[in-house]
PDB file of N, CA and C in Angstrom:
ATOM      1  N   MET A   1      32.235 -47.880   2.943  1.00  0.00           N
ATOM      2  CA  MET A   1      31.701 -47.659   4.489  1.00  0.00           C
ATOM      3  C   MET A   1      31.353 -49.005   4.647  1.00  0.00           C
ATOM      4  N   ILE A   2      31.483 -49.461   5.941  1.00  0.00           N
ATOM      5  CA  ILE A   2      31.224 -50.765   6.517  1.00  0.00           C
ATOM      6  C   ILE A   2      29.587 -50.739   7.275  1.00  0.00           C
ATOM      7  N   GLU A   3      29.228 -51.990   6.772  1.00  0.00           N
ATOM      8  CA  GLU A   3      27.462 -52.115   7.088  1.00  0.00           C
ATOM      9  C   GLU A   3      27.704 -51.894   8.680  1.00  0.00           C
ATOM     10  N   ALA A   4      26.590 -51.415   9.302  1.00  0.00           N
ATOM     11  CA  ALA A   4      26.624 -51.284  10.629  1.00  0.00           C
ATOM     12  C   ALA A   4      26.599 -52.482  11.466  1.00  0.00           C
ATOM     13  N   ALA A   5      25.829 -53.421  10.699  1.00  0.00           N
ATOM     14  CA  ALA A   5      25.813 -55.010  11.632  1.00  0.00           C
ATOM     15  C   ALA A   5      27.167 -55.620  11.613  1.00  0.00           C
ATOM     16  N   LEU A   6      28.212 -55.490  10.458  1.00  0.00           N
ATOM     17  CA  LEU A   6      29.383 -55.603  10.757  1.00  0.00           C
ATOM     18  C   LEU A   6      29.999 -54.848  11.812  1.00  0.00           C
ATOM     19  N   VAL A   7      30.150 -53.731  11.669  1.00  0.00           N
ATOM     20  CA  VAL A   7      30.819 -52.821  12.924  1.00  0.00           C
ATOM     21  C   VAL A   7      30.408 -53.516  13.947  1.00  0.00           C
ATOM     22  N   ARG A   8      29.593 -53.777  14.819  1.00  0.00           N
ATOM     23  CA  ARG A   8      29.144 -54.181  15.778  1.00  0.00           C
ATOM     24  C   ARG A   8      29.765 -55.351  16.323  1.00  0.00           C
ATOM     25  N   ILE A   9      30.593 -56.297  15.337  1.00  0.00           N
ATOM     26  CA  ILE A   9      31.096 -57.209  15.690  1.00  0.00           C
ATOM     27  C   ILE A   9      32.754 -57.695  15.469  1.00  0.00           C
ATOM     28  N   LEU A  10      33.328 -56.459  15.333  1.00  0.00           N
ATOM     29  CA  LEU A  10      34.555 -56.431  14.917  1.00  0.00           C
ATOM     30  C   LEU A  10      35.608 -56.380  16.017  1.00  0.00           C
ATOM     31  N   VAL A  11      36.356 -56.943  15.921  1.00  0.00           N
ATOM     32  CA  VAL A  11      37.671 -56.902  17.335  1.00  0.00           C
ATOM     33  C   VAL A  11      38.898 -56.724  16.276  1.00  0.00           C
ATOM     34  N   CYS A  12      39.945 -56.183  16.955  1.00  0.00           N
ATOM     35  CA  CYS A  12      41.324 -56.468  16.472  1.00  0.00           C
ATOM     36  C   CYS A  12      41.780 -57.739  16.548  1.00  0.00           C
ATOM     37  N   PRO A  13      42.373 -58.099  15.492  1.00  0.00           N
ATOM     38  CA  PRO A  13      43.015 -59.680  15.299  1.00  0.00           C
ATOM     39  C   PRO A  13      44.026 -59.889  16.302  1.00  0.00           C
ATOM     40  N   ILE A  14      44.542 -58.910  17.004  1.00  0.00           N
ATOM     41  CA  ILE A  14      45.470 -59.235  17.851  1.00  0.00           C
ATOM     42  C   ILE A  14      45.192 -59.278  19.376  1.00  0.00           C
ATOM     43  N   ASP A  15      44.495 -58.206  19.675  1.00  0.00           N
ATOM     44  CA  ASP A  15      44.145 -58.343  20.857  1.00  0.00           C
ATOM     45  C   ASP A  15      42.629 -58.655  21.678  1.00  0.00           C
ATOM     46  N   LYS A  16      42.017 -59.049  20.572  1.00  0.00           N
ATOM     47  CA  LYS A  16      40.618 -59.124  20.624  1.00  0.00           C
ATOM     48  C   LYS A  16      39.634 -58.370  21.138  1.00  0.00           C
ATOM     49  N   ARG A  17      40.105 -57.094  21.168  1.00  0.00           N
ATOM     50  CA  ARG A  17      39.018 -56.173  21.631  1.00  0.00           C
ATOM     51  C   ARG A  17      38.567 -55.146  20.806  1.00  0.00           C
ATOM     52  N   GLU A  18      37.794 -54.328  21.222  1.00  0.00           N
ATOM     53  CA  GLU A  18      37.310 -53.221  20.170  1.00  0.00           C
ATOM     54  C   GLU A  18      38.125 -52.220  19.717  1.00  0.00           C
ATOM     55  N   LEU A  19      37.909 -51.883  18.212  1.00  0.00           N
ATOM     56  CA  LEU A  19      38.538 -50.903  17.747  1.00  0.00           C
ATOM     57  C   LEU A  19      37.741 -49.675  17.568  1.00  0.00           C
ATOM     58  N   LEU A  20      38.530 -48.583  16.866  1.00  0.00           N
ATOM     59  CA  LEU A  20      37.793 -47.081  16.810  1.00  0.00           C
ATOM     60  C   LEU A  20      37.522 -47.379  15.239  1.00  0.00           C
ATOM     61  N   TYR A  21      36.416 -46.788  14.485  1.00  0.00           N
ATOM     62  CA  TYR A  21      36.135 -46.893  13.158  1.00  0.00           C
ATOM     63  C   TYR A  21      36.138 -45.451  12.620  1.00  0.00           C
ATOM     64  N   PHE A  22      37.036 -45.097  11.635  1.00  0.00           N
ATOM     65  CA  PHE A  22      36.629 -43.769  11.258  1.00  0.00           C
ATOM     66  C   PHE A  22      36.214 -43.730   9.901  1.00  0.00           C
ATOM     67  N   ALA A  23      34.933 -43.773   9.329  1.00  0.00           N
ATOM     68  CA  ALA A  23      34.060 -44.412   8.227  1.00  0.00           C
ATOM     69  C   ALA A  23      34.776 -43.506   7.218  1.00  0.00           C
ATOM     70  N   ASP A  24      34.986 -42.213   7.575  1.00  0.00           N
ATOM     71  CA  ASP A  24      35.382 -41.045   6.312  1.00  0.00           C
ATOM     72  C   ASP A  24      36.698 -41.474   5.864  1.00  0.00           C
ATOM     73  N   GLU A  25      37.746 -42.050   6.752  1.00  0.00           N
ATOM     74  CA  GLU A  25      39.026 -42.175   6.584  1.00  0.00           C
ATOM     75  C   GLU A  25      39.341 -43.590   6.136  1.00  0.00           C
ATOM     76  N   ASP A  26      38.066 -44.709   5.992  1.00  0.00           N
ATOM     77  CA  ASP A  26      38.119 -46.128   5.612  1.00  0.00           C
ATOM     78  C   ASP A  26      39.455 -46.725   6.423  1.00  0.00           C
ATOM     79  N   VAL A  27      39.329 -46.484   7.910  1.00  0.00           N
ATOM     80  CA  VAL A  27      40.341 -47.101   8.792  1.00  0.00           C
ATOM     81  C   VAL A  27      39.839 -47.343  10.026  1.00  0.00           C
ATOM     82  N   LEU A  28      40.293 -48.522  10.475  1.00  0.00           N
ATOM     83  CA  LEU A  28      39.899 -49.187  11.828  1.00  0.00           C
ATOM     84  C   LEU A  28      41.177 -49.082  12.706  1.00  0.00           C
ATOM     85  N   TYR A  29      41.041 -48.436  13.807  1.00  0.00           N
ATOM     86  CA  TYR A  29      42.463 -48.272  14.430  1.00  0.00           C
ATOM     87  C   TYR A  29      42.091 -48.670  16.093  1.00  0.00           C
ATOM     88  N   ASN A  30      43.251 -49.693  16.359  1.00  0.00           N
ATOM     89  CA  ASN A  30      43.519 -50.036  17.847  1.00  0.00           C
ATOM     90  C   ASN A  30      44.237 -48.766  18.586  1.00  0.00           C
ATOM     91  N   PRO A  31      43.884 -48.323  19.568  1.00  0.00           N
ATOM     92  CA  PRO A  31      44.609 -46.930  20.169  1.00  0.00           C
ATOM     93  C   PRO A  31      45.377 -47.948  21.565  1.00  0.00           C
ATOM     94  N   ARG A  32      45.498 -49.127  21.855  1.00  0.00           N
ATOM     95  CA  ARG A  32      46.040 -49.912  22.746  1.00  0.00           C
ATOM     96  C   ARG A  32      47.519 -50.182  22.238  1.00  0.00           C
ATOM     97  N   LEU A  33      47.377 -50.640  20.838  1.00  0.00           N
ATOM     98  CA  LEU A  33      48.458 -51.160  20.255  1.00  0.00           C
ATOM     99  C   LEU A  33      48.951 -50.311  19.339  1.00  0.00           C
ATOM    100  N   ARG A  34      48.195 -49.293  19.149  1.00  0.00           N
ATOM    101  CA  ARG A  34      48.571 -48.085  17.976  1.00  0.00           C
ATOM    102  C   ARG A  34      48.880 -48.737  16.670  1.00  0.00           C
ATOM    103  N   ARG A  35      47.890 -49.320  16.050  1.00  0.00           N
ATOM    104  CA  ARG A  35      47.680 -50.064  14.666  1.00  0.00           C
ATOM    105  C   ARG A  35      46.352 -49.509  14.142  1.00  0.00           C
ATOM    106  N   ARG A  36      46.665 -49.063  12.756  1.00  0.00           N
ATOM    107  CA  ARG A  36      45.578 -48.967  11.795  1.00  0.00           C
ATOM    108  C   ARG A  36      45.516 -50.240  10.748  1.00  0.00           C
ATOM    109  N   TYR A  37      44.331 -50.315  10.764  1.00  0.00           N
ATOM    110  CA  TYR A  37      44.004 -51.422   9.955  1.00  0.00           C
ATOM    111  C   TYR A  37      43.037 -50.827   8.468  1.00  0.00           C
ATOM    112  N   PRO A  38      43.263 -51.065   7.382  1.00  0.00           N
ATOM    113  CA  PRO A  38      42.482 -50.777   6.541  1.00  0.00           C
ATOM    114  C   PRO A  38      41.003 -51.396   6.005  1.00  0.00           C
ATOM    115  N   VAL A  39      40.263 -50.371   5.383  1.00  0.00           N
ATOM    116  CA  VAL A  39      38.879 -50.820   4.935  1.00  0.00           C
ATOM    117  C   VAL A  39      39.026 -50.582   3.539  1.00  0.00           C
ATOM    118  N   GLU A  40      39.051 -51.677   2.897  1.00  0.00           N
ATOM    119  CA  GLU A  40      39.262 -51.722   1.162  1.00  0.00           C
ATOM    120  C   GLU A  40      37.731 -52.007   0.398  1.00  0.00           C
ATOM    121  N   GLN A  41      37.294 -50.942  -0.259  1.00  0.00           N
ATOM    122  CA  GLN A  41      35.980 -51.332  -0.370  1.00  0.00           C
ATOM    123  C   GLN A  41      34.932 -51.718   0.294  1.00  0.00           C
ATOM    124  N   GLY A  42      34.950 -51.096   1.464  1.00  0.00           N
ATOM    125  CA  GLY A  42      33.710 -51.617   2.317  1.00  0.00           C
ATOM    126  C   GLY A  42      34.112 -52.785   3.257  1.00  0.00           C
ATOM    127  N   ILE A  43      35.407 -53.530   2.847  1.00  0.00           N
ATOM    128  CA  ILE A  43      35.760 -54.814   3.451  1.00  0.00           C
ATOM    129  C   ILE A  43      36.817 -54.546   4.721  1.00  0.00           C
ATOM    130  N   PRO A  44      36.584 -54.478   5.937  1.00  0.00           N
ATOM    131  CA  PRO A  44      37.802 -54.524   6.837  1.00  0.00           C
ATOM    132  C   PRO A  44      38.561 -55.608   6.715  1.00  0.00           C
ATOM    133  N   VAL A  45      40.122 -55.263   6.369  1.00  0.00           N
ATOM    134  CA  VAL A  45      41.128 -55.857   6.248  1.00  0.00           C
ATOM    135  C   VAL A  45      41.826 -56.133   7.316  1.00  0.00           C
ATOM    136  N   LEU A  46      41.646 -57.039   8.359  1.00  0.00           N
ATOM    137  CA  LEU A  46      41.965 -57.158   9.683  1.00  0.00           C
ATOM    138  C   LEU A  46      42.904 -58.471  10.022  1.00  0.00           C
ATOM    139  N   LEU A  47      44.035 -58.427   9.186  1.00  0.00           N
ATOM    140  CA  LEU A  47      44.909 -59.353   9.148  1.00  0.00           C
ATOM    141  C   LEU A  47      46.048 -58.688  10.201  1.00  0.00           C
ATOM    142  N   PRO A  48      46.610 -59.453  11.172  1.00  0.00           N
ATOM    143  CA  PRO A  48      47.722 -58.865  11.869  1.00  0.00           C
ATOM    144  C   PRO A  48      48.700 -58.379  10.934  1.00  0.00           C
ATOM    145  N   GLY A  49      49.224 -58.897   9.862  1.00  0.00           N
ATOM    146  CA  GLY A  49      50.102 -58.193   8.976  1.00  0.00           C
ATOM    147  C   GLY A  49      50.115 -57.177   8.454  1.00  0.00           C
ATOM    148  N   ARG A  50      48.731 -56.648   8.325  1.00  0.00           N
ATOM    149  CA  ARG A  50      48.626 -55.435   7.256  1.00  0.00           C
ATOM    150  C   ARG A  50      48.130 -54.454   8.452  1.00  0.00           C
ATOM    151  N   GLY A  51      48.090 -54.572   9.553  1.00  0.00           N
ATOM    152  CA  GLY A  51      48.296 -53.430  10.661  1.00  0.00           C
ATOM    153  C   GLY A  51      49.258 -52.645  10.412  1.00  0.00           C
ATOM    154  N   GLU A  52      48.974 -51.067  10.301  1.00  0.00           N
ATOM    155  CA  GLU A  52      50.151 -50.415  10.003  1.00  0.00           C
ATOM    156  C   GLU A  52      50.579 -49.791  11.532  1.00  0.00           C
ATOM    157  N   PRO A  53      51.255 -49.427  12.275  1.00  0.00           N
ATOM    158  CA  PRO A  53      51.863 -48.465  13.236  1.00  0.00           C
ATOM    159  C   PRO A  53      51.656 -47.281  12.991  1.00  0.00           C
ATOM    160  N   ALA A  54      50.911 -46.282  14.149  1.00  0.00           N
ATOM    161  CA  ALA A  54      50.690 -45.153  14.064  1.00  0.00           C
ATOM    162  C   ALA A  54      51.770 -44.202  14.806  1.00  0.00           C
ATOM    163  N   ALA A  55      52.414 -43.577  14.285  1.00  0.00           N
ATOM    164  CA  ALA A  55      53.173 -42.648  15.010  1.00  0.00           C
ATOM    165  C   ALA A  55      52.777 -41.913  16.019  1.00  0.00           C
ATOM    166  N   ASP A  56      53.206 -41.108  16.973  1.00  0.00           N
ATOM    167  CA  ASP A  56      52.735 -40.475  17.967  1.00  0.00           C
ATOM    168  C   ASP A  56      51.771 -39.355  17.594  1.00  0.00           C
ATOM    169  N   ALA A  57      52.220 -38.725  16.459  1.00  0.00           N
ATOM    170  CA  ALA A  57      51.306 -37.355  16.008  1.00  0.00           C
ATOM    171  C   ALA A  57      49.960 -38.033  15.666  1.00  0.00           C
ATOM    172  N   GLU A  58      50.104 -39.102  14.738  1.00  0.00           N
ATOM    173  CA  GLU A  58      48.937 -39.970  14.058  1.00  0.00           C
ATOM    174  C   GLU A  58      48.005 -40.297  15.099  1.00  0.00           C
ATOM    175  N   HIS A  59      48.503 -41.018  16.466  1.00  0.00           N
ATOM    176  CA  HIS A  59      47.660 -41.657  17.374  1.00  0.00           C
ATOM    177  C   HIS A  59      47.027 -40.430  18.238  1.00  0.00           C
ATOM    178  N   LEU A  60      47.437 -39.601  18.353  1.00  0.00           N
ATOM    179  CA  LEU A  60      47.075 -38.245  19.154  1.00  0.00           C
ATOM    180  C   LEU A  60      45.868 -37.627  18.409  1.00  0.00           C
ATOM    181  N   ARG A  61      45.996 -37.593  16.831  1.00  0.00           N
ATOM    182  CA  ARG A  61      44.942 -37.104  16.029  1.00  0.00           C
ATOM    183  C   ARG A  61      43.996 -37.934  16.128  1.00  0.00           C
ATOM    184  N   LEU A  62      44.324 -39.503  15.806  1.00  0.00           N
ATOM    185  CA  LEU A  62      43.101 -39.860  16.142  1.00  0.00           C
ATOM    186  C   LEU A  62      42.288 -40.294  17.333  1.00  0.00           C
ATOM    187  N   LEU A  63      43.069 -40.225  18.386  1.00  0.00           N
ATOM    188  CA  LEU A  63      42.179 -40.018  19.729  1.00  0.00           C
ATOM    189  C   LEU A  63      41.611 -38.777  19.969  1.00  0.00           C
ATOM    190  N   THR A  64      41.907 -37.665  19.278  1.00  0.00           N
ATOM    191  CA  THR A  64      41.460 -36.636  19.550  1.00  0.00           C
ATOM    192  C   THR A  64      40.108 -36.457  18.528  1.00  0.00           C
ATOM    193  N   ARG A  65      39.962 -37.240  17.304  1.00  0.00           N
ATOM    194  CA  ARG A  65      38.898 -37.309  16.495  1.00  0.00           C
ATOM    195  C   ARG A  65      38.019 -38.044  17.225  1.00  0.00           C
ATOM    196  N   SER A  66      38.402 -39.054  17.829  1.00  0.00           N
ATOM    197  CA  SER A  66      37.399 -39.971  18.663  1.00  0.00           C
ATOM    198  C   SER A  66      36.764 -39.607  19.585  1.00  0.00           C
ATOM    199  N   ALA A  67      37.361 -38.949  20.511  1.00  0.00           N
ATOM    200  CA  ALA A  67      37.088 -37.902  21.788  1.00  0.00           C
ATOM    201  C   ALA A  67      35.930 -37.046  21.276  1.00  0.00           C
ATOM    202  N   ASN A  68      36.000 -36.588  20.197  1.00  0.00           N
ATOM    203  CA  ASN A  68      35.167 -35.468  19.364  1.00  0.00           C
ATOM    204  C   ASN A  68      33.932 -36.051  18.677  1.00  0.00           C
ATOM    205  N   GLY A  69      33.933 -37.398  18.833  1.00  0.00           N
ATOM    206  CA  GLY A  69      32.731 -37.905  18.039  1.00  0.00           C
ATOM    207  C   GLY A  69      33.014 -38.336  16.679  1.00  0.00           C
ATOM    208  N   GLY A  70      34.442 -38.332  16.263  1.00  0.00           N
ATOM    209  CA  GLY A  70      34.534 -38.688  15.085  1.00  0.00           C
ATOM    210  C   GLY A  70      34.933 -40.213  14.554  1.00  0.00           C
ATOM    211  N   ALA A  71      34.520 -40.795  15.643  1.00  0.00           N
ATOM    212  CA  ALA A  71      34.511 -42.568  15.492  1.00  0.00           C
ATOM    213  C   ALA A  71      33.591 -43.140  15.904  1.00  0.00           C
ATOM    214  N   ILE A  72      33.546 -44.352  15.455  1.00  0.00           N
ATOM    215  CA  ILE A  72      32.391 -45.421  16.045  1.00  0.00           C
ATOM    216  C   ILE A  72      33.027 -46.469  16.755  1.00  0.00           C
ATOM    217  N   VAL A  73      32.769 -46.919  17.925  1.00  0.00           N
ATOM    218  CA  VAL A  73      33.482 -47.648  18.779  1.00  0.00           C
ATOM    219  C   VAL A  73      32.977 -49.361  18.101  1.00  0.00           C
ATOM    220  N   THR A  74      33.955 -50.392  17.644  1.00  0.00           N
ATOM    221  CA  THR A  74      33.299 -51.719  17.340  1.00  0.00           C
ATOM    222  C   THR A  74      32.820 -52.312  18.727  1.00  0.00           C
ATOM    223  N   TRP A  75      33.174 -53.580  18.478  1.00  0.00           N
ATOM    224  CA  TRP A  75      32.474 -54.430  19.712  1.00  0.00           C
ATOM    225  C   TRP A  75      33.102 -53.807  20.984  1.00  0.00           C
ATOM    226  N   VAL A  76      32.135 -54.022  21.682  1.00  0.00           N
ATOM    227  CA  VAL A  76      32.552 -53.931  23.248  1.00  0.00           C
ATOM    228  C   VAL A  76      32.500 -54.804  24.216  1.00  0.00           C
ATOM    229  N   SER A  77      33.284 -55.563  25.146  1.00  0.00           N
ATOM    230  CA  SER A  77      33.168 -56.403  25.912  1.00  0.00           C
ATOM    231  C   SER A  77      32.368 -56.173  26.902  1.00  0.00           C
TER     232      SER A  77
END
């Protein structure tokens, strides 16, 4: 789990905008670019090359979870 103070300042390394944080899955997700970033031992790995593309089904699953309160939105401009 990422510390709350850190979650508030995280942005996507590519588009520099907010992410969705799924603490129970240790994942940060950019729905605009459909990229998943891992969180390893509480440390977000926000390197462009480490972002994994999300297939359509995974994208919809994460958006649904987010809409139902399953994610925390990181930094908001």
